[in-house]
Amino acid sequence: MAVYYYKHEWCGMDQEIFLEGENRNTISMPCYRCGRNVVARQIRDKSIKLGSADGTVGILRREKPKDSRRGESGNVR
């Protein structure tokens, strides 16, 4: 089970997709907007939480870092 991301240069579509049963670094798939082939790369980010509802599994949220001591300027307080 893996989460994949693509940004299609031709039409500008960008999307994160959960694919159950896949576990490769890259996959070729049709773009959801224009239908042309696009290469999606696997996201390995521990902040992504997967969940299920009514038998459908998908991306719930990305957890924020627990220690967020950075201000708006990006400097540590």
Protein backbone atom coordinates (compact mmCIF):
# COMPACT_ATOMS: atom_id res chain seq x y z
CA MET A 1 0.00 0.00 0.00
CA ALA A 2 1.53 3.28 -1.08
CA VAL A 3 0.76 6.91 -1.76
CA TYR A 4 1.85 8.31 -5.12
CA TYR A 5 2.15 11.89 -6.38
CA TYR A 6 2.31 13.34 -9.87
CA LYS A 7 2.34 16.77 -11.44
CA HIS A 8 1.54 16.55 -15.12
CA GLU A 9 3.58 19.07 -17.09
CA TRP A 10 1.22 18.96 -20.08
CA CYS A 11 -2.07 19.90 -18.39
CA GLY A 12 -0.91 21.11 -14.95
CA MET A 13 -2.83 18.51 -12.92
CA ASP A 14 -1.23 17.53 -9.62
CA GLN A 15 -2.60 14.83 -7.39
CA GLU A 16 -1.82 12.45 -4.52
CA ILE A 17 -3.22 8.96 -5.02
CA PHE A 18 -3.43 5.98 -2.66
CA LEU A 19 -2.97 2.69 -4.51
CA GLU A 20 -3.57 -0.49 -2.57
CA GLY A 21 -1.42 -3.41 -3.66
CA GLU A 22 1.27 -1.22 -5.27
CA ASN A 23 4.72 -0.77 -3.78
CA ARG A 24 7.01 0.40 -6.59
CA ASN A 25 9.04 3.64 -6.68
CA THR A 26 7.33 4.88 -9.84
CA ILE A 27 4.27 3.84 -11.83
CA SER A 28 2.89 4.90 -15.18
CA MET A 29 -0.79 5.79 -15.16
CA PRO A 30 -3.29 7.94 -17.06
CA CYS A 31 -3.74 11.52 -15.88
CA TYR A 32 -7.16 12.06 -14.32
CA ARG A 33 -7.64 15.39 -16.12
CA CYS A 34 -6.45 14.78 -19.69
CA GLY A 35 -6.00 11.00 -19.94
CA ARG A 36 -2.39 11.11 -21.18
CA ASN A 37 0.21 8.90 -19.53
CA VAL A 38 2.08 10.36 -16.58
CA VAL A 39 4.70 8.95 -14.18
CA ALA A 40 3.74 9.05 -10.50
CA ARG A 41 6.38 8.75 -7.78
CA GLN A 42 5.89 7.05 -4.43
CA ILE A 43 5.76 9.37 -1.40
CA ARG A 44 7.59 8.10 1.66
CA ASP A 45 6.42 10.52 4.32
CA LYS A 46 5.65 9.30 7.83
CA SER A 47 3.34 12.28 8.44
CA ILE A 48 0.75 10.87 5.98
CA LYS A 49 -1.99 9.00 7.80
CA LEU A 50 -4.16 6.47 5.97
CA GLY A 51 -7.61 5.51 7.12
CA SER A 52 -10.74 3.75 5.97
CA ALA A 53 -14.45 4.49 5.96
CA ASP A 54 -17.19 2.34 4.47
CA GLY A 55 -14.59 -0.05 3.06
CA THR A 56 -12.68 2.66 1.18
CA VAL A 57 -9.06 3.35 2.16
CA GLY A 58 -7.49 6.74 1.50
CA ILE A 59 -5.36 9.63 2.74
CA LEU A 60 -6.80 11.22 5.87
CA ARG A 61 -4.34 13.98 6.67
CA ARG A 62 -0.75 14.96 7.13
CA GLU A 63 0.25 15.34 10.73
CA LYS A 64 1.92 18.57 11.73
CA PRO A 65 5.26 18.38 13.53
CA LYS A 66 4.79 18.21 17.28
CA ASP A 67 7.50 20.79 17.93
CA SER A 68 6.49 23.82 15.86
CA ARG A 69 8.65 26.53 17.36
CA ARG A 70 9.12 28.42 14.12
CA GLY A 71 7.52 31.82 13.63
CA GLU A 72 6.14 33.20 10.41
CA SER A 73 9.59 34.29 9.23
CA GLY A 74 10.92 30.75 9.65
CA ASN A 75 13.29 31.68 12.47
CA VAL A 76 13.44 29.65 15.67
CA ARG A 77 12.11 31.59 18.64
